[in-house]
Amino acid sequence: MWADCMIDGVPTISCLEPLFENILAALGGIVFLILFAMFVSASFNWLTAGDNAEKLKKARATFVSAIVGMLVIASAYLVLKILESILGLNLTQFSLPK
């Protein structure tokens, strides 16, 4: 992957493609971990709330925030895929014109 974009061991502008792919893959993983941590935290707070209405309210708000975040990410991806099929462009893969 990286060897394809180097000339005599020197990176060229085409090395931005794998760089951005790696950054986006890492960000996707980080977002997944954050959403998972929000679900675990909200679940724990919900289970340990008992009669504490404030703690239950906080857990419910965390669940709602995690679900809204998931919906926003899924909607953005869906919009990109719909635009790809309508316009005939590749919007979900970064590439430089050659």
Foldseek 3Di string as FASTA:
>chain_A
DQVVQDDPNHGDPQSVQVVVVVVVVVVVVVLVVVLVVLLVVLVVLCVPCVPPPVSPVVSVVSVVVSVVVVVVVVVVVVVQVVCCVVVVDDPPGDGDDD
